[in-house]
Amino acid sequence: MGVWGFIQDQMLGMKWLNELLGMGLPALGLDVNGRIGGSVQFFIYDVLKITVLLCILIFAVSYIQSYFPPERSKRILGRLHGIWANIVSALLGTVTPFCSCSSIPLFIGFTSAGLPLGVTFSFLVSSPMVDLGSLVLLMSIFGAKVAIVYVVVGLVISVVGGTLIEKLHMEKYVESFILSAGGVDIESPDPTIRERLTYAKEQMLDTFKKVFPYILIGVGIGALIHNWIPENWIETVLGSNSPFGVILATIVGIPMYADIFGTIPVAEALLSKGAQLGTVLSFMMAVTTLSLPSLIMLRKAVKPKLLALFIGICAIGIILVGYLFNAFQFILI
């Protein structure tokens, strides 16, 4: 095993923890090769692994985020024009909140401050879909190639979607109270390192409290799929013989609400049961980007026509990415 293989399997994937559980649970009378014992092993392993990675990642990302408060991000974006503004906006989305609902208030703030609508939509798409946490977590499950390609195509969807909205001049479909709110420049003092570390710790604890229930639900569903649902069922619905698997996974994912940490154990279990890679990733993207609660919140800020355009752009992009990943799965895995 090379250095990168060790990092991916033992540090990010924590395979040692799974092996430890495989030796320890039989001592408690559980057969890890059976359905119940296998479900318990899957549940404990994934909850511990995701929790550890979650806390480390949120702390690190929040520390980075402390250098990009909303007023500074607004100034950075305000100096850029054209597609470069969309690209930087999408990149800024990678170091901001971990779910779509928490990114919408920032989207509203940026739009109220007078930033171009297409630029703020690039941020709105990338923030929940593509973050530094997703990159590391995807590496721990699917490997570096899948994680990097996922992040790249997520950024492409963000930039293309925002650029299209900009070209269509959809400003009139933003609710009037957003456009008339105006921006307020708040010059915040430059925090010390200690203050940044304190901020990162508080963000980590706050985010952990919010997302941990979804981790438990996601891992529970993953354990159910992994040990109780027959493999041929998954292959029939989401496998290579199902031409509509990507579309079905996207449609199923939209009404759900979770973040990347809650969807990865479900994706891991689906993939192990024979679902295609692109189908699984489409499900993840739909859950994190187009969850029903976030769409309800977004409707308060934009009119139905713009909301429908946003959903359409994201859904089409997610579906195209899903089929692209399926076509090249043999190269990526």
C-alpha atoms as a PDB file:
ATOM      1  CA  MET A   1       0.000   0.000   0.000  1.00  0.00           C
ATOM      2  CA  GLY A   2       1.436   3.362  -1.025  1.00  0.00           C
ATOM      3  CA  VAL A   3       1.355   6.541   1.031  1.00  0.00           C
ATOM      4  CA  TRP A   4      -1.815   7.817  -0.676  1.00  0.00           C
ATOM      5  CA  GLY A   5      -3.490   4.416  -0.274  1.00  0.00           C
ATOM      6  CA  PHE A   6      -2.699   4.523   3.446  1.00  0.00           C
ATOM      7  CA  ILE A   7      -4.114   8.043   3.759  1.00  0.00           C
ATOM      8  CA  GLN A   8      -7.281   7.145   1.857  1.00  0.00           C
ATOM      9  CA  ASP A   9      -7.959   3.786   3.531  1.00  0.00           C
ATOM     10  CA  GLN A  10      -6.638   4.168   7.061  1.00  0.00           C
ATOM     11  CA  MET A  11      -6.838   7.913   7.762  1.00  0.00           C
ATOM     12  CA  LEU A  12      -9.842   9.074   5.720  1.00  0.00           C
ATOM     13  CA  GLY A  13     -11.641   5.734   5.390  1.00  0.00           C
ATOM     14  CA  MET A  14     -10.676   4.541   8.891  1.00  0.00           C
ATOM     15  CA  LYS A  15     -10.623   0.909   7.757  1.00  0.00           C
ATOM     16  CA  TRP A  16      -8.771   0.072  10.967  1.00  0.00           C
ATOM     17  CA  LEU A  17     -11.896   1.052  12.911  1.00  0.00           C
ATOM     18  CA  ASN A  18     -14.057  -1.290  10.848  1.00  0.00           C
ATOM     19  CA  GLU A  19     -11.576  -4.123  11.392  1.00  0.00           C
ATOM     20  CA  LEU A  20     -11.516  -3.381  15.122  1.00  0.00           C
ATOM     21  CA  LEU A  21     -15.310  -3.556  15.271  1.00  0.00           C
ATOM     22  CA  GLY A  22     -15.191  -6.776  13.239  1.00  0.00           C
ATOM     23  CA  MET A  23     -13.058  -8.319  15.978  1.00  0.00           C
ATOM     24  CA  GLY A  24     -14.800  -6.737  18.972  1.00  0.00           C
ATOM     25  CA  LEU A  25     -18.490  -7.263  18.176  1.00  0.00           C
ATOM     26  CA  PRO A  26     -18.250 -11.096  17.958  1.00  0.00           C
ATOM     27  CA  ALA A  27     -16.929 -11.020  21.542  1.00  0.00           C
ATOM     28  CA  LEU A  28     -20.294  -9.514  22.485  1.00  0.00           C
ATOM     29  CA  GLY A  29     -22.139 -12.333  20.764  1.00  0.00           C
ATOM     30  CA  LEU A  30     -22.892 -10.557  17.470  1.00  0.00           C
ATOM     31  CA  ASP A  31     -22.266 -12.297  14.164  1.00  0.00           C
ATOM     32  CA  VAL A  32     -20.926  -9.536  11.937  1.00  0.00           C
ATOM     33  CA  ASN A  33     -21.568 -11.733   8.895  1.00  0.00           C
ATOM     34  CA  GLY A  34     -25.271 -11.895   9.731  1.00  0.00           C
ATOM     35  CA  ARG A  35     -27.880  -9.238   9.030  1.00  0.00           C
ATOM     36  CA  ILE A  36     -28.228  -7.899  12.557  1.00  0.00           C
ATOM     37  CA  GLY A  37     -24.541  -7.993  13.413  1.00  0.00           C
ATOM     38  CA  GLY A  38     -23.595  -6.585  10.022  1.00  0.00           C
ATOM     39  CA  SER A  39     -26.086  -3.740  10.463  1.00  0.00           C
ATOM     40  CA  VAL A  40     -24.700  -2.929  13.922  1.00  0.00           C
ATOM     41  CA  GLN A  41     -21.120  -2.936  12.590  1.00  0.00           C
ATOM     42  CA  PHE A  42     -22.067  -0.705   9.631  1.00  0.00           C
ATOM     43  CA  PHE A  43     -23.968   1.694  11.892  1.00  0.00           C
ATOM     44  CA  ILE A  44     -21.280   2.094  14.572  1.00  0.00           C
ATOM     45  CA  TYR A  45     -18.451   2.313  12.042  1.00  0.00           C
ATOM     46  CA  ASP A  46     -20.090   4.911   9.809  1.00  0.00           C
ATOM     47  CA  VAL A  47     -21.398   7.051  12.691  1.00  0.00           C
ATOM     48  CA  LEU A  48     -17.977   7.185  14.357  1.00  0.00           C
ATOM     49  CA  LYS A  49     -16.099   7.736  11.095  1.00  0.00           C
ATOM     50  CA  ILE A  50     -18.387  10.488   9.797  1.00  0.00           C
ATOM     51  CA  THR A  51     -18.562  12.178  13.206  1.00  0.00           C
ATOM     52  CA  VAL A  52     -14.766  12.366  13.522  1.00  0.00           C
ATOM     53  CA  LEU A  53     -14.339  13.617   9.955  1.00  0.00           C
ATOM     54  CA  LEU A  54     -17.265  16.004  10.394  1.00  0.00           C
ATOM     55  CA  CYS A  55     -15.802  17.697  13.458  1.00  0.00           C
ATOM     56  CA  ILE A  56     -12.302  17.989  11.961  1.00  0.00           C
ATOM     57  CA  LEU A  57     -13.621  19.293   8.642  1.00  0.00           C
ATOM     58  CA  ILE A  58     -16.064  21.807  10.091  1.00  0.00           C
ATOM     59  CA  PHE A  59     -13.378  23.180  12.391  1.00  0.00           C
ATOM     60  CA  ALA A  60     -10.904  23.539   9.502  1.00  0.00           C
ATOM     61  CA  VAL A  61     -13.443  24.977   7.043  1.00  0.00           C
ATOM     62  CA  SER A  62     -14.855  27.373   9.646  1.00  0.00           C
ATOM     63  CA  TYR A  63     -11.358  28.653  10.373  1.00  0.00           C
ATOM     64  CA  ILE A  64     -10.901  29.308   6.645  1.00  0.00           C
ATOM     65  CA  GLN A  65     -14.376  30.846   6.496  1.00  0.00           C
ATOM     66  CA  SER A  66     -13.380  33.341   9.197  1.00  0.00           C
ATOM     67  CA  TYR A  67     -11.268  35.040   6.529  1.00  0.00           C
ATOM     68  CA  PHE A  68     -14.333  35.425   4.256  1.00  0.00           C
ATOM     69  CA  PRO A  69     -17.140  37.086   6.238  1.00  0.00           C
ATOM     70  CA  PRO A  70     -20.143  38.196   4.141  1.00  0.00           C
ATOM     71  CA  GLU A  71     -18.988  41.810   3.828  1.00  0.00           C
ATOM     72  CA  ARG A  72     -15.537  40.759   2.605  1.00  0.00           C
ATOM     73  CA  SER A  73     -17.038  38.219   0.184  1.00  0.00           C
ATOM     74  CA  LYS A  74     -19.320  40.947  -1.138  1.00  0.00           C
ATOM     75  CA  ARG A  75     -16.373  43.258  -1.749  1.00  0.00           C
ATOM     76  CA  ILE A  76     -14.446  40.517  -3.537  1.00  0.00           C
ATOM     77  CA  LEU A  77     -17.370  39.675  -5.806  1.00  0.00           C
ATOM     78  CA  GLY A  78     -18.208  43.328  -6.376  1.00  0.00           C
ATOM     79  CA  ARG A  79     -14.819  43.911  -8.020  1.00  0.00           C
ATOM     80  CA  LEU A  80     -15.301  41.106 -10.553  1.00  0.00           C
ATOM     81  CA  HIS A  81     -17.423  40.951 -13.687  1.00  0.00           C
ATOM     82  CA  GLY A  82     -18.632  38.358 -16.173  1.00  0.00           C
ATOM     83  CA  ILE A  83     -17.905  34.674 -15.830  1.00  0.00           C
ATOM     84  CA  TRP A  84     -14.985  35.324 -13.458  1.00  0.00           C
ATOM     85  CA  ALA A  85     -17.458  36.658 -10.911  1.00  0.00           C
ATOM     86  CA  ASN A  86     -19.484  33.440 -11.243  1.00  0.00           C
ATOM     87  CA  ILE A  87     -16.370  31.289 -10.856  1.00  0.00           C
ATOM     88  CA  VAL A  88     -15.191  33.120  -7.730  1.00  0.00           C
ATOM     89  CA  SER A  89     -18.731  33.057  -6.325  1.00  0.00           C
ATOM     90  CA  ALA A  90     -18.913  29.288  -6.828  1.00  0.00           C
ATOM     91  CA  LEU A  91     -15.513  28.876  -5.173  1.00  0.00           C
ATOM     92  CA  LEU A  92     -16.596  31.021  -2.220  1.00  0.00           C
ATOM     93  CA  GLY A  93     -19.555  28.678  -1.861  1.00  0.00           C
ATOM     94  CA  THR A  94     -17.140  25.856  -1.041  1.00  0.00           C
ATOM     95  CA  VAL A  95     -16.085  27.516   2.223  1.00  0.00           C
ATOM     96  CA  THR A  96     -19.557  28.491   3.429  1.00  0.00           C
ATOM     97  CA  PRO A  97     -22.480  26.626   5.069  1.00  0.00           C
ATOM     98  CA  PHE A  98     -22.950  22.895   4.711  1.00  0.00           C
ATOM     99  CA  CYS A  99     -26.614  22.739   3.678  1.00  0.00           C
ATOM    100  CA  SER A 100     -28.904  24.544   1.247  1.00  0.00           C
ATOM    101  CA  CYS A 101     -31.153  26.081   3.920  1.00  0.00           C
ATOM    102  CA  SER A 102     -28.266  27.834   5.665  1.00  0.00           C
ATOM    103  CA  SER A 103     -26.880  29.209   2.381  1.00  0.00           C
ATOM    104  CA  ILE A 104     -30.141  30.926   1.386  1.00  0.00           C
ATOM    105  CA  PRO A 105     -29.841  33.793   3.934  1.00  0.00           C
ATOM    106  CA  LEU A 106     -26.389  34.594   2.505  1.00  0.00           C
ATOM    107  CA  PHE A 107     -27.833  34.471  -1.015  1.00  0.00           C
ATOM    108  CA  ILE A 108     -30.532  36.952   0.046  1.00  0.00           C
ATOM    109  CA  GLY A 109     -27.931  39.195   1.674  1.00  0.00           C
ATOM    110  CA  PHE A 110     -25.700  39.203  -1.414  1.00  0.00           C
ATOM    111  CA  THR A 111     -28.670  39.920  -3.700  1.00  0.00           C
ATOM    112  CA  SER A 112     -29.905  42.736  -1.427  1.00  0.00           C
ATOM    113  CA  ALA A 113     -26.409  44.235  -1.518  1.00  0.00           C
ATOM    114  CA  GLY A 114     -26.700  44.661  -5.274  1.00  0.00           C
ATOM    115  CA  LEU A 115     -24.523  41.805  -6.528  1.00  0.00           C
ATOM    116  CA  PRO A 116     -25.586  40.439  -9.954  1.00  0.00           C
ATOM    117  CA  LEU A 117     -28.299  37.806  -9.694  1.00  0.00           C
ATOM    118  CA  GLY A 118     -26.366  35.231 -11.720  1.00  0.00           C
ATOM    119  CA  VAL A 119     -23.367  35.593  -9.425  1.00  0.00           C
ATOM    120  CA  THR A 120     -25.459  35.049  -6.303  1.00  0.00           C
ATOM    121  CA  PHE A 121     -27.094  31.993  -7.878  1.00  0.00           C
ATOM    122  CA  SER A 122     -23.679  30.470  -8.616  1.00  0.00           C
ATOM    123  CA  PHE A 123     -23.010  30.806  -4.895  1.00  0.00           C
ATOM    124  CA  LEU A 124     -26.428  29.363  -4.006  1.00  0.00           C
ATOM    125  CA  VAL A 125     -25.805  26.209  -6.069  1.00  0.00           C
ATOM    126  CA  SER A 126     -22.215  25.555  -5.056  1.00  0.00           C
ATOM    127  CA  SER A 127     -22.596  26.203  -1.325  1.00  0.00           C
ATOM    128  CA  PRO A 128     -24.572  23.021  -0.477  1.00  0.00           C
ATOM    129  CA  MET A 129     -23.463  20.903  -3.445  1.00  0.00           C
ATOM    130  CA  VAL A 130     -19.713  21.401  -3.361  1.00  0.00           C
ATOM    131  CA  ASP A 131     -17.794  22.108  -0.178  1.00  0.00           C
ATOM    132  CA  LEU A 132     -14.419  21.120   1.200  1.00  0.00           C
ATOM    133  CA  GLY A 133     -16.136  18.634   3.482  1.00  0.00           C
ATOM    134  CA  SER A 134     -17.705  16.800   0.547  1.00  0.00           C
ATOM    135  CA  LEU A 135     -14.302  16.534  -1.139  1.00  0.00           C
ATOM    136  CA  VAL A 136     -12.695  14.815   1.850  1.00  0.00           C
ATOM    137  CA  LEU A 137     -15.685  12.624   2.683  1.00  0.00           C
ATOM    138  CA  LEU A 138     -16.065  11.496  -0.918  1.00  0.00           C
ATOM    139  CA  MET A 139     -12.361  10.642  -0.958  1.00  0.00           C
ATOM    140  CA  SER A 140     -12.875   8.472   2.120  1.00  0.00           C
ATOM    141  CA  ILE A 141     -15.636   6.466   0.418  1.00  0.00           C
ATOM    142  CA  PHE A 142     -15.180   6.588  -3.355  1.00  0.00           C
ATOM    143  CA  GLY A 143     -11.547   7.564  -3.833  1.00  0.00           C
ATOM    144  CA  ALA A 144      -9.729  10.682  -5.017  1.00  0.00           C
ATOM    145  CA  LYS A 145     -10.742  10.527  -8.699  1.00  0.00           C
ATOM    146  CA  VAL A 146     -14.460  10.394  -7.969  1.00  0.00           C
ATOM    147  CA  ALA A 147     -14.206  13.137  -5.335  1.00  0.00           C
ATOM    148  CA  ILE A 148     -12.261  15.523  -7.559  1.00  0.00           C
ATOM    149  CA  VAL A 149     -14.492  14.966 -10.600  1.00  0.00           C
ATOM    150  CA  TYR A 150     -17.596  15.422  -8.411  1.00  0.00           C
ATOM    151  CA  VAL A 151     -16.322  18.772  -7.131  1.00  0.00           C
ATOM    152  CA  VAL A 152     -15.301  19.939 -10.610  1.00  0.00           C
ATOM    153  CA  VAL A 153     -18.657  19.105 -12.227  1.00  0.00           C
ATOM    154  CA  GLY A 154     -20.483  20.644  -9.251  1.00  0.00           C
ATOM    155  CA  LEU A 155     -18.604  23.885  -9.805  1.00  0.00           C
ATOM    156  CA  VAL A 156     -19.351  23.705 -13.536  1.00  0.00           C
ATOM    157  CA  ILE A 157     -23.094  23.367 -12.814  1.00  0.00           C
ATOM    158  CA  SER A 158     -22.852  26.352 -10.442  1.00  0.00           C
ATOM    159  CA  VAL A 159     -21.036  28.567 -12.947  1.00  0.00           C
ATOM    160  CA  VAL A 160     -23.136  27.562 -15.977  1.00  0.00           C
ATOM    161  CA  GLY A 161     -26.403  27.879 -14.050  1.00  0.00           C
ATOM    162  CA  GLY A 162     -25.526  31.302 -12.667  1.00  0.00           C
ATOM    163  CA  THR A 163     -24.312  32.524 -16.066  1.00  0.00           C
ATOM    164  CA  LEU A 164     -27.525  31.367 -17.757  1.00  0.00           C
ATOM    165  CA  ILE A 165     -29.682  33.136 -15.172  1.00  0.00           C
ATOM    166  CA  GLU A 166     -27.592  36.271 -15.687  1.00  0.00           C
ATOM    167  CA  LYS A 167     -28.023  36.147 -19.475  1.00  0.00           C
ATOM    168  CA  LEU A 168     -31.798  35.745 -19.147  1.00  0.00           C
ATOM    169  CA  HIS A 169     -32.059  38.927 -17.014  1.00  0.00           C
ATOM    170  CA  MET A 170     -34.342  37.437 -14.352  1.00  0.00           C
ATOM    171  CA  GLU A 171     -34.023  40.294 -11.851  1.00  0.00           C
ATOM    172  CA  LYS A 172     -37.709  41.172 -12.178  1.00  0.00           C
ATOM    173  CA  TYR A 173     -38.557  37.772 -10.708  1.00  0.00           C
ATOM    174  CA  VAL A 174     -36.840  38.532  -7.405  1.00  0.00           C
ATOM    175  CA  GLU A 175     -39.263  39.633  -4.692  1.00  0.00           C
ATOM    176  CA  SER A 176     -39.319  43.426  -4.387  1.00  0.00           C
ATOM    177  CA  PHE A 177     -38.449  43.520  -0.684  1.00  0.00           C
ATOM    178  CA  ILE A 178     -35.120  41.823  -1.506  1.00  0.00           C
ATOM    179  CA  LEU A 179     -34.179  44.325  -4.181  1.00  0.00           C
ATOM    180  CA  SER A 180     -35.220  47.331  -2.115  1.00  0.00           C
ATOM    181  CA  ALA A 181     -33.507  46.224   1.085  1.00  0.00           C
ATOM    182  CA  GLY A 182     -30.125  47.631   0.105  1.00  0.00           C
ATOM    183  CA  GLY A 183     -26.805  46.561   1.497  1.00  0.00           C
ATOM    184  CA  VAL A 184     -25.185  47.617   4.700  1.00  0.00           C
ATOM    185  CA  ASP A 185     -21.414  47.642   4.883  1.00  0.00           C
ATOM    186  CA  ILE A 186     -20.246  46.479   8.251  1.00  0.00           C
ATOM    187  CA  GLU A 187     -16.534  46.826   8.755  1.00  0.00           C
ATOM    188  CA  SER A 188     -15.656  44.086  11.201  1.00  0.00           C
ATOM    189  CA  PRO A 189     -12.289  44.156  12.936  1.00  0.00           C
ATOM    190  CA  ASP A 190      -9.725  41.634  11.800  1.00  0.00           C
ATOM    191  CA  PRO A 191      -9.983  38.752  14.328  1.00  0.00           C
ATOM    192  CA  THR A 192      -6.945  37.409  16.128  1.00  0.00           C
ATOM    193  CA  ILE A 193      -5.882  33.791  15.693  1.00  0.00           C
ATOM    194  CA  ARG A 194      -7.390  32.957  19.079  1.00  0.00           C
ATOM    195  CA  GLU A 195     -10.708  34.538  18.028  1.00  0.00           C
ATOM    196  CA  ARG A 196     -10.651  32.600  14.753  1.00  0.00           C
ATOM    197  CA  LEU A 197     -10.023  29.355  16.633  1.00  0.00           C
ATOM    198  CA  THR A 198     -12.867  30.163  19.031  1.00  0.00           C
ATOM    199  CA  TYR A 199     -15.161  30.930  16.086  1.00  0.00           C
ATOM    200  CA  ALA A 200     -14.178  27.631  14.405  1.00  0.00           C
ATOM    201  CA  LYS A 201     -14.901  25.685  17.596  1.00  0.00           C
ATOM    202  CA  GLU A 202     -18.301  27.336  18.046  1.00  0.00           C
ATOM    203  CA  GLN A 203     -19.209  26.692  14.412  1.00  0.00           C
ATOM    204  CA  MET A 204     -18.134  23.073  14.751  1.00  0.00           C
ATOM    205  CA  LEU A 205     -20.285  22.499  17.838  1.00  0.00           C
ATOM    206  CA  ASP A 206     -23.281  24.350  16.395  1.00  0.00           C
ATOM    207  CA  THR A 207     -23.136  22.539  13.057  1.00  0.00           C
ATOM    208  CA  PHE A 208     -22.574  19.169  14.723  1.00  0.00           C
ATOM    209  CA  LYS A 209     -25.712  19.614  16.840  1.00  0.00           C
ATOM    210  CA  LYS A 210     -27.719  20.449  13.718  1.00  0.00           C
ATOM    211  CA  VAL A 211     -26.502  17.686  11.420  1.00  0.00           C
ATOM    212  CA  PHE A 212     -25.912  14.783  13.835  1.00  0.00           C
ATOM    213  CA  PRO A 213     -29.574  13.642  13.758  1.00  0.00           C
ATOM    214  CA  TYR A 214     -29.332  13.473   9.947  1.00  0.00           C
ATOM    215  CA  ILE A 215     -26.131  11.443  10.231  1.00  0.00           C
ATOM    216  CA  LEU A 216     -27.938   8.934  12.444  1.00  0.00           C
ATOM    217  CA  ILE A 217     -30.872   8.750  10.020  1.00  0.00           C
ATOM    218  CA  GLY A 218     -28.610   8.493   6.983  1.00  0.00           C
ATOM    219  CA  VAL A 219     -26.413   5.782   8.507  1.00  0.00           C
ATOM    220  CA  GLY A 220     -29.507   3.922   9.686  1.00  0.00           C
ATOM    221  CA  ILE A 221     -30.926   3.920   6.153  1.00  0.00           C
ATOM    222  CA  GLY A 222     -27.516   2.897   4.832  1.00  0.00           C
ATOM    223  CA  ALA A 223     -27.314  -0.022   7.266  1.00  0.00           C
ATOM    224  CA  LEU A 224     -30.802  -1.125   6.220  1.00  0.00           C
ATOM    225  CA  ILE A 225     -29.892  -1.016   2.538  1.00  0.00           C
ATOM    226  CA  HIS A 226     -26.514  -2.652   3.101  1.00  0.00           C
ATOM    227  CA  ASN A 227     -27.736  -5.658   5.074  1.00  0.00           C
ATOM    228  CA  TRP A 228     -31.466  -6.121   4.486  1.00  0.00           C
ATOM    229  CA  ILE A 229     -32.404  -5.100   0.936  1.00  0.00           C
ATOM    230  CA  PRO A 230     -31.558  -7.762  -1.683  1.00  0.00           C
ATOM    231  CA  GLU A 231     -28.830  -6.753  -4.117  1.00  0.00           C
ATOM    232  CA  ASN A 232     -30.885  -7.680  -7.170  1.00  0.00           C
ATOM    233  CA  TRP A 233     -33.562  -5.153  -6.155  1.00  0.00           C
ATOM    234  CA  ILE A 234     -31.052  -2.301  -6.175  1.00  0.00           C
ATOM    235  CA  GLU A 235     -29.499  -3.489  -9.434  1.00  0.00           C
ATOM    236  CA  THR A 236     -32.930  -3.688 -11.086  1.00  0.00           C
ATOM    237  CA  VAL A 237     -33.973  -0.165 -10.053  1.00  0.00           C
ATOM    238  CA  LEU A 238     -30.656   1.723 -10.031  1.00  0.00           C
ATOM    239  CA  GLY A 239     -28.201  -0.581 -11.818  1.00  0.00           C
ATOM    240  CA  SER A 240     -26.807  -0.546 -15.342  1.00  0.00           C
ATOM    241  CA  ASN A 241     -29.918  -2.205 -16.779  1.00  0.00           C
ATOM    242  CA  SER A 242     -32.119   0.703 -15.695  1.00  0.00           C
ATOM    243  CA  PRO A 243     -31.909   3.595 -18.199  1.00  0.00           C
ATOM    244  CA  PHE A 244     -34.047   5.795 -15.946  1.00  0.00           C
ATOM    245  CA  GLY A 245     -32.113   5.167 -12.718  1.00  0.00           C
ATOM    246  CA  VAL A 246     -30.480   8.626 -12.714  1.00  0.00           C
ATOM    247  CA  ILE A 247     -33.799  10.422 -13.255  1.00  0.00           C
ATOM    248  CA  LEU A 248     -35.510   8.323 -10.580  1.00  0.00           C
ATOM    249  CA  ALA A 249     -32.705   8.960  -8.061  1.00  0.00           C
ATOM    250  CA  THR A 250     -32.882  12.712  -8.728  1.00  0.00           C
ATOM    251  CA  ILE A 251     -36.662  12.817  -8.292  1.00  0.00           C
ATOM    252  CA  VAL A 252     -36.507  10.754  -5.085  1.00  0.00           C
ATOM    253  CA  GLY A 253     -33.759  12.971  -3.670  1.00  0.00           C
ATOM    254  CA  ILE A 254     -35.543  16.308  -4.102  1.00  0.00           C
ATOM    255  CA  PRO A 255     -38.213  15.939  -1.346  1.00  0.00           C
ATOM    256  CA  MET A 256     -35.597  14.838   1.186  1.00  0.00           C
ATOM    257  CA  TYR A 257     -33.595  17.130   3.447  1.00  0.00           C
ATOM    258  CA  ALA A 258     -30.073  16.313   4.547  1.00  0.00           C
ATOM    259  CA  ASP A 259     -26.549  17.448   3.910  1.00  0.00           C
ATOM    260  CA  ILE A 260     -23.514  15.737   2.460  1.00  0.00           C
ATOM    261  CA  PHE A 261     -22.771  14.036   5.788  1.00  0.00           C
ATOM    262  CA  GLY A 262     -26.191  12.407   5.970  1.00  0.00           C
ATOM    263  CA  THR A 263     -26.339  11.284   2.344  1.00  0.00           C
ATOM    264  CA  ILE A 264     -22.904   9.671   2.020  1.00  0.00           C
ATOM    265  CA  PRO A 265     -23.721   6.523   4.093  1.00  0.00           C
ATOM    266  CA  VAL A 266     -26.840   5.986   1.970  1.00  0.00           C
ATOM    267  CA  ALA A 267     -24.769   6.442  -1.193  1.00  0.00           C
ATOM    268  CA  GLU A 268     -22.105   4.069   0.100  1.00  0.00           C
ATOM    269  CA  ALA A 269     -24.680   1.358   0.771  1.00  0.00           C
ATOM    270  CA  LEU A 270     -26.409   1.825  -2.603  1.00  0.00           C
ATOM    271  CA  LEU A 271     -23.102   1.586  -4.461  1.00  0.00           C
ATOM    272  CA  SER A 272     -22.100  -1.588  -2.612  1.00  0.00           C
ATOM    273  CA  LYS A 273     -25.428  -3.148  -3.609  1.00  0.00           C
ATOM    274  CA  GLY A 274     -24.929  -2.580  -7.331  1.00  0.00           C
ATOM    275  CA  ALA A 275     -26.280   0.915  -7.979  1.00  0.00           C
ATOM    276  CA  GLN A 276     -24.348   2.829 -10.606  1.00  0.00           C
ATOM    277  CA  LEU A 277     -21.952   5.552  -9.488  1.00  0.00           C
ATOM    278  CA  GLY A 278     -23.633   8.357 -11.458  1.00  0.00           C
ATOM    279  CA  THR A 279     -27.052   7.359 -10.159  1.00  0.00           C
ATOM    280  CA  VAL A 280     -25.808   7.483  -6.574  1.00  0.00           C
ATOM    281  CA  LEU A 281     -24.128  10.873  -7.049  1.00  0.00           C
ATOM    282  CA  SER A 282     -27.262  12.293  -8.703  1.00  0.00           C
ATOM    283  CA  PHE A 283     -29.216  11.272  -5.615  1.00  0.00           C
ATOM    284  CA  MET A 284     -26.671  13.014  -3.379  1.00  0.00           C
ATOM    285  CA  MET A 285     -26.688  16.201  -5.460  1.00  0.00           C
ATOM    286  CA  ALA A 286     -30.496  16.338  -5.539  1.00  0.00           C
ATOM    287  CA  VAL A 287     -30.780  15.921  -1.765  1.00  0.00           C
ATOM    288  CA  THR A 288     -28.173  18.564  -0.939  1.00  0.00           C
ATOM    289  CA  THR A 289     -29.103  21.135  -3.604  1.00  0.00           C
ATOM    290  CA  LEU A 290     -32.843  20.800  -4.243  1.00  0.00           C
ATOM    291  CA  SER A 291     -34.260  19.720  -0.891  1.00  0.00           C
ATOM    292  CA  LEU A 292     -37.906  20.669  -0.414  1.00  0.00           C
ATOM    293  CA  PRO A 293     -37.345  22.802   2.739  1.00  0.00           C
ATOM    294  CA  SER A 294     -34.708  24.901   0.969  1.00  0.00           C
ATOM    295  CA  LEU A 295     -36.988  25.417  -2.043  1.00  0.00           C
ATOM    296  CA  ILE A 296     -39.769  26.602   0.280  1.00  0.00           C
ATOM    297  CA  MET A 297     -37.347  29.101   1.837  1.00  0.00           C
ATOM    298  CA  LEU A 298     -36.115  30.234  -1.573  1.00  0.00           C
ATOM    299  CA  ARG A 299     -39.693  30.825  -2.730  1.00  0.00           C
ATOM    300  CA  LYS A 300     -39.942  33.590  -0.108  1.00  0.00           C
ATOM    301  CA  ALA A 301     -37.169  35.463  -1.942  1.00  0.00           C
ATOM    302  CA  VAL A 302     -37.921  34.767  -5.619  1.00  0.00           C
ATOM    303  CA  LYS A 303     -41.026  34.461  -7.760  1.00  0.00           C
ATOM    304  CA  PRO A 304     -42.268  31.117  -9.145  1.00  0.00           C
ATOM    305  CA  LYS A 305     -40.791  31.581 -12.635  1.00  0.00           C
ATOM    306  CA  LEU A 306     -37.266  32.136 -11.309  1.00  0.00           C
ATOM    307  CA  LEU A 307     -37.670  29.317  -8.792  1.00  0.00           C
ATOM    308  CA  ALA A 308     -38.775  26.964 -11.591  1.00  0.00           C
ATOM    309  CA  LEU A 309     -35.789  28.025 -13.711  1.00  0.00           C
ATOM    310  CA  PHE A 310     -33.423  27.369 -10.790  1.00  0.00           C
ATOM    311  CA  ILE A 311     -34.921  23.914 -10.206  1.00  0.00           C
ATOM    312  CA  GLY A 312     -34.801  23.123 -13.932  1.00  0.00           C
ATOM    313  CA  ILE A 313     -31.163  24.167 -14.359  1.00  0.00           C
ATOM    314  CA  CYS A 314     -30.034  22.220 -11.300  1.00  0.00           C
ATOM    315  CA  ALA A 315     -32.101  19.130 -12.122  1.00  0.00           C
ATOM    316  CA  ILE A 316     -30.928  18.972 -15.746  1.00  0.00           C
ATOM    317  CA  GLY A 317     -27.326  19.521 -14.662  1.00  0.00           C
ATOM    318  CA  ILE A 318     -27.567  16.816 -12.000  1.00  0.00           C
ATOM    319  CA  ILE A 319     -29.129  14.333 -14.422  1.00  0.00           C
ATOM    320  CA  LEU A 320     -26.505  15.007 -17.109  1.00  0.00           C
ATOM    321  CA  VAL A 321     -23.728  14.581 -14.546  1.00  0.00           C
ATOM    322  CA  GLY A 322     -25.287  11.313 -13.406  1.00  0.00           C
ATOM    323  CA  TYR A 323     -25.306   9.836 -16.907  1.00  0.00           C
ATOM    324  CA  LEU A 324     -21.759  11.139 -17.475  1.00  0.00           C
ATOM    325  CA  PHE A 325     -20.492   9.392 -14.343  1.00  0.00           C
ATOM    326  CA  ASN A 326     -22.313   6.192 -15.329  1.00  0.00           C
ATOM    327  CA  ALA A 327     -20.698   6.263 -18.763  1.00  0.00           C
ATOM    328  CA  PHE A 328     -17.196   6.575 -17.298  1.00  0.00           C
ATOM    329  CA  GLN A 329     -17.687   4.587 -14.081  1.00  0.00           C
ATOM    330  CA  PHE A 330     -15.209   1.936 -15.227  1.00  0.00           C
ATOM    331  CA  ILE A 331     -12.484   4.605 -15.355  1.00  0.00           C
ATOM    332  CA  LEU A 332     -13.289   6.287 -12.037  1.00  0.00           C
ATOM    333  CA  ILE A 333     -13.638   3.226  -9.808  1.00  0.00           C
END
